[in-house]
């Protein structure tokens, strides 16, 4: 389903699924004034086209004992993007990973139990990847929006 084939209704369905990916078609249909089969058909088409990649959960890591969440902006040579990203993707502490253009090469979101574990992660896990040239980090204070 190319971008130009998506209509306003598709975007509304996606927005509702972002709020609750477990919402049944009947609930979405009722909210939008549609028949449930119409919603089911559109969701199936959105999945087949790759617009909807997967259904997942949003986790409050603090409720699982992970009190520290940090955003790491990592710099490395472009020829090492794949190596650094692969190494970091294998780490349980890394909950998001993106390559970027501009001010940094890689953005990693990391969650750990406390500052001692964060220090250990930086020194032993991140420090074990020689292709990382530099990084900057910020600790997340509060979440205002996540999708």
C-alpha atoms as a PDB file:
ATOM      1  CA  UNK A   1       0.000   0.000   0.000  1.00  0.00           C
ATOM      2  CA  UNK A   2       1.978   3.014  -1.259  1.00  0.00           C
ATOM      3  CA  UNK A   3       1.835   6.220   0.737  1.00  0.00           C
ATOM      4  CA  UNK A   4      -0.407   7.896  -1.854  1.00  0.00           C
ATOM      5  CA  UNK A   5      -2.968   5.056  -1.483  1.00  0.00           C
ATOM      6  CA  UNK A   6      -3.443   5.693   2.243  1.00  0.00           C
ATOM      7  CA  UNK A   7      -6.417   7.828   3.107  1.00  0.00           C
ATOM      8  CA  UNK A   8      -7.529   9.705   6.207  1.00  0.00           C
ATOM      9  CA  UNK A   9      -9.343   6.629   7.505  1.00  0.00           C
ATOM     10  CA  UNK A  10      -6.158   4.538   7.366  1.00  0.00           C
ATOM     11  CA  UNK A  11      -4.353   7.179   9.401  1.00  0.00           C
ATOM     12  CA  UNK A  12      -7.178   7.254  11.957  1.00  0.00           C
ATOM     13  CA  UNK A  13      -7.010   3.465  12.334  1.00  0.00           C
ATOM     14  CA  UNK A  14      -3.238   3.576  12.792  1.00  0.00           C
ATOM     15  CA  UNK A  15      -3.538   6.332  15.419  1.00  0.00           C
ATOM     16  CA  UNK A  16      -6.105   4.300  17.369  1.00  0.00           C
ATOM     17  CA  UNK A  17      -3.918   1.191  17.199  1.00  0.00           C
ATOM     18  CA  UNK A  18      -0.955   3.221  18.465  1.00  0.00           C
ATOM     19  CA  UNK A  19      -3.016   4.052  21.536  1.00  0.00           C
ATOM     20  CA  UNK A  20      -4.048   0.418  22.075  1.00  0.00           C
ATOM     21  CA  UNK A  21      -2.817  -2.277  19.720  1.00  0.00           C
ATOM     22  CA  UNK A  22      -5.115  -4.806  21.403  1.00  0.00           C
ATOM     23  CA  UNK A  23      -8.303  -2.884  20.538  1.00  0.00           C
ATOM     24  CA  UNK A  24     -10.677  -5.187  18.674  1.00  0.00           C
ATOM     25  CA  UNK A  25     -11.909  -4.205  15.222  1.00  0.00           C
ATOM     26  CA  UNK A  26     -15.401  -3.806  16.664  1.00  0.00           C
ATOM     27  CA  UNK A  27     -14.220  -1.126  19.114  1.00  0.00           C
ATOM     28  CA  UNK A  28     -12.326   0.785  16.431  1.00  0.00           C
ATOM     29  CA  UNK A  29     -15.280   0.439  14.063  1.00  0.00           C
ATOM     30  CA  UNK A  30     -17.689   1.779  16.665  1.00  0.00           C
ATOM     31  CA  UNK A  31     -15.433   4.766  17.367  1.00  0.00           C
ATOM     32  CA  UNK A  32     -15.101   5.579  13.651  1.00  0.00           C
ATOM     33  CA  UNK A  33     -18.688   4.745  12.690  1.00  0.00           C
ATOM     34  CA  UNK A  34     -17.681   1.809  10.465  1.00  0.00           C
ATOM     35  CA  UNK A  35     -18.492  -1.878  10.144  1.00  0.00           C
ATOM     36  CA  UNK A  36     -15.951  -4.144  11.937  1.00  0.00           C
ATOM     37  CA  UNK A  37     -15.224  -6.008   8.689  1.00  0.00           C
ATOM     38  CA  UNK A  38     -14.138  -2.711   7.092  1.00  0.00           C
ATOM     39  CA  UNK A  39     -11.664  -2.114   9.916  1.00  0.00           C
ATOM     40  CA  UNK A  40     -10.396  -5.712   9.766  1.00  0.00           C
ATOM     41  CA  UNK A  41      -9.885  -5.449   6.003  1.00  0.00           C
ATOM     42  CA  UNK A  42      -7.989  -2.168   6.290  1.00  0.00           C
ATOM     43  CA  UNK A  43      -5.797  -3.432   9.138  1.00  0.00           C
ATOM     44  CA  UNK A  44      -4.957  -6.540   7.098  1.00  0.00           C
ATOM     45  CA  UNK A  45      -4.025  -4.356   4.104  1.00  0.00           C
ATOM     46  CA  UNK A  46      -1.909  -2.086   6.331  1.00  0.00           C
ATOM     47  CA  UNK A  47      -0.072  -5.161   7.653  1.00  0.00           C
ATOM     48  CA  UNK A  48       0.431  -6.690   4.199  1.00  0.00           C
ATOM     49  CA  UNK A  49       1.844  -3.431   2.854  1.00  0.00           C
ATOM     50  CA  UNK A  50       4.276  -3.063   5.764  1.00  0.00           C
ATOM     51  CA  UNK A  51       2.695   0.132   7.116  1.00  0.00           C
ATOM     52  CA  UNK A  52       1.947  -1.794  10.299  1.00  0.00           C
ATOM     53  CA  UNK A  53       5.125  -3.742  11.019  1.00  0.00           C
ATOM     54  CA  UNK A  54       4.005  -5.496  14.188  1.00  0.00           C
ATOM     55  CA  UNK A  55       1.763  -5.220  17.214  1.00  0.00           C
ATOM     56  CA  UNK A  56       3.672  -4.662  20.432  1.00  0.00           C
ATOM     57  CA  UNK A  57       3.477  -3.353  23.989  1.00  0.00           C
ATOM     58  CA  UNK A  58       4.710  -0.175  25.599  1.00  0.00           C
ATOM     59  CA  UNK A  59       6.574  -0.952  28.803  1.00  0.00           C
ATOM     60  CA  UNK A  60       6.996   1.241  31.869  1.00  0.00           C
ATOM     61  CA  UNK A  61      10.545   0.139  32.626  1.00  0.00           C
ATOM     62  CA  UNK A  62      10.524   1.811  36.048  1.00  0.00           C
ATOM     63  CA  UNK A  63       7.745  -0.539  37.178  1.00  0.00           C
ATOM     64  CA  UNK A  64      10.075  -3.386  36.225  1.00  0.00           C
ATOM     65  CA  UNK A  65      12.849  -2.007  38.421  1.00  0.00           C
ATOM     66  CA  UNK A  66      14.725  -0.181  35.646  1.00  0.00           C
ATOM     67  CA  UNK A  67      15.033   3.229  37.292  1.00  0.00           C
ATOM     68  CA  UNK A  68      17.530   4.760  34.843  1.00  0.00           C
ATOM     69  CA  UNK A  69      16.789   5.389  31.170  1.00  0.00           C
ATOM     70  CA  UNK A  70      19.417   7.123  29.070  1.00  0.00           C
ATOM     71  CA  UNK A  71      19.704   8.410  25.522  1.00  0.00           C
ATOM     72  CA  UNK A  72      23.157   7.763  24.057  1.00  0.00           C
ATOM     73  CA  UNK A  73      24.333   9.677  20.995  1.00  0.00           C
ATOM     74  CA  UNK A  74      27.197   7.642  19.548  1.00  0.00           C
ATOM     75  CA  UNK A  75      29.756   8.590  16.915  1.00  0.00           C
ATOM     76  CA  UNK A  76      31.744   6.141  14.845  1.00  0.00           C
ATOM     77  CA  UNK A  77      33.147   5.907  11.343  1.00  0.00           C
ATOM     78  CA  UNK A  78      30.442   5.218   8.729  1.00  0.00           C
ATOM     79  CA  UNK A  79      32.191   1.977   7.803  1.00  0.00           C
ATOM     80  CA  UNK A  80      31.549   0.782  11.398  1.00  0.00           C
ATOM     81  CA  UNK A  81      27.803   1.606  11.676  1.00  0.00           C
ATOM     82  CA  UNK A  82      26.775  -1.992  11.083  1.00  0.00           C
ATOM     83  CA  UNK A  83      29.307  -3.439  13.546  1.00  0.00           C
ATOM     84  CA  UNK A  84      28.425  -0.996  16.335  1.00  0.00           C
ATOM     85  CA  UNK A  85      24.671  -1.314  15.771  1.00  0.00           C
ATOM     86  CA  UNK A  86      24.857  -5.129  15.701  1.00  0.00           C
ATOM     87  CA  UNK A  87      26.879  -5.244  18.909  1.00  0.00           C
ATOM     88  CA  UNK A  88      24.492  -2.881  20.675  1.00  0.00           C
ATOM     89  CA  UNK A  89      21.343  -4.600  19.381  1.00  0.00           C
ATOM     90  CA  UNK A  90      22.486  -7.751  21.162  1.00  0.00           C
ATOM     91  CA  UNK A  91      22.563  -5.978  24.540  1.00  0.00           C
ATOM     92  CA  UNK A  92      19.500  -6.449  26.763  1.00  0.00           C
ATOM     93  CA  UNK A  93      19.901  -2.934  28.178  1.00  0.00           C
ATOM     94  CA  UNK A  94      19.346  -1.386  24.725  1.00  0.00           C
ATOM     95  CA  UNK A  95      15.615  -0.908  24.126  1.00  0.00           C
ATOM     96  CA  UNK A  96      15.821   1.255  20.974  1.00  0.00           C
ATOM     97  CA  UNK A  97      18.510   1.699  18.354  1.00  0.00           C
ATOM     98  CA  UNK A  98      18.591   4.035  15.336  1.00  0.00           C
ATOM     99  CA  UNK A  99      21.211   5.308  12.881  1.00  0.00           C
ATOM    100  CA  UNK A 100      21.098   9.068  12.299  1.00  0.00           C
ATOM    101  CA  UNK A 101      22.380  11.822  10.082  1.00  0.00           C
ATOM    102  CA  UNK A 102      23.869  15.027  11.405  1.00  0.00           C
ATOM    103  CA  UNK A 103      25.126  15.524  14.938  1.00  0.00           C
ATOM    104  CA  UNK A 104      25.500  11.820  15.835  1.00  0.00           C
ATOM    105  CA  UNK A 105      25.665   8.501  14.000  1.00  0.00           C
ATOM    106  CA  UNK A 106      23.649   6.265  16.316  1.00  0.00           C
ATOM    107  CA  UNK A 107      20.949   6.868  18.923  1.00  0.00           C
ATOM    108  CA  UNK A 108      20.547   4.181  21.561  1.00  0.00           C
ATOM    109  CA  UNK A 109      17.979   4.206  24.345  1.00  0.00           C
ATOM    110  CA  UNK A 110      19.241   2.231  27.325  1.00  0.00           C
ATOM    111  CA  UNK A 111      17.492   1.184  30.524  1.00  0.00           C
ATOM    112  CA  UNK A 112      19.180  -0.138  33.678  1.00  0.00           C
ATOM    113  CA  UNK A 113      18.310  -0.587  37.357  1.00  0.00           C
ATOM    114  CA  UNK A 114      20.475   2.149  38.874  1.00  0.00           C
ATOM    115  CA  UNK A 115      23.436   4.480  38.334  1.00  0.00           C
ATOM    116  CA  UNK A 116      25.924   1.794  39.364  1.00  0.00           C
ATOM    117  CA  UNK A 117      24.618  -0.481  36.602  1.00  0.00           C
ATOM    118  CA  UNK A 118      24.644   2.479  34.200  1.00  0.00           C
ATOM    119  CA  UNK A 119      28.311   3.155  35.017  1.00  0.00           C
ATOM    120  CA  UNK A 120      29.078  -0.528  34.502  1.00  0.00           C
ATOM    121  CA  UNK A 121      27.230  -0.503  31.168  1.00  0.00           C
ATOM    122  CA  UNK A 122      29.179   2.518  29.941  1.00  0.00           C
ATOM    123  CA  UNK A 123      32.564   1.218  31.055  1.00  0.00           C
ATOM    124  CA  UNK A 124      32.287  -2.478  30.287  1.00  0.00           C
ATOM    125  CA  UNK A 125      29.625  -2.889  27.581  1.00  0.00           C
ATOM    126  CA  UNK A 126      30.012   0.309  25.563  1.00  0.00           C
ATOM    127  CA  UNK A 127      33.736   0.420  26.274  1.00  0.00           C
ATOM    128  CA  UNK A 128      34.114  -3.064  24.764  1.00  0.00           C
ATOM    129  CA  UNK A 129      33.184  -1.757  21.307  1.00  0.00           C
ATOM    130  CA  UNK A 130      36.438  -0.298  19.927  1.00  0.00           C
ATOM    131  CA  UNK A 131      34.735   1.203  16.855  1.00  0.00           C
ATOM    132  CA  UNK A 132      32.911   3.767  19.025  1.00  0.00           C
ATOM    133  CA  UNK A 133      34.832   7.020  18.701  1.00  0.00           C
ATOM    134  CA  UNK A 134      32.803   9.091  21.163  1.00  0.00           C
ATOM    135  CA  UNK A 135      29.375   9.402  22.739  1.00  0.00           C
ATOM    136  CA  UNK A 136      27.189  11.833  24.628  1.00  0.00           C
ATOM    137  CA  UNK A 137      24.482  10.777  27.018  1.00  0.00           C
ATOM    138  CA  UNK A 138      21.475  12.216  28.749  1.00  0.00           C
ATOM    139  CA  UNK A 139      19.346  10.671  31.467  1.00  0.00           C
ATOM    140  CA  UNK A 140      15.590  10.667  30.805  1.00  0.00           C
ATOM    141  CA  UNK A 141      13.809  12.639  33.531  1.00  0.00           C
ATOM    142  CA  UNK A 142      10.190  12.153  32.466  1.00  0.00           C
ATOM    143  CA  UNK A 143       8.276  10.677  29.527  1.00  0.00           C
ATOM    144  CA  UNK A 144       5.693  12.896  27.872  1.00  0.00           C
ATOM    145  CA  UNK A 145       4.956  10.901  24.722  1.00  0.00           C
ATOM    146  CA  UNK A 146       5.921   7.494  23.408  1.00  0.00           C
ATOM    147  CA  UNK A 147       4.706   5.662  20.318  1.00  0.00           C
END
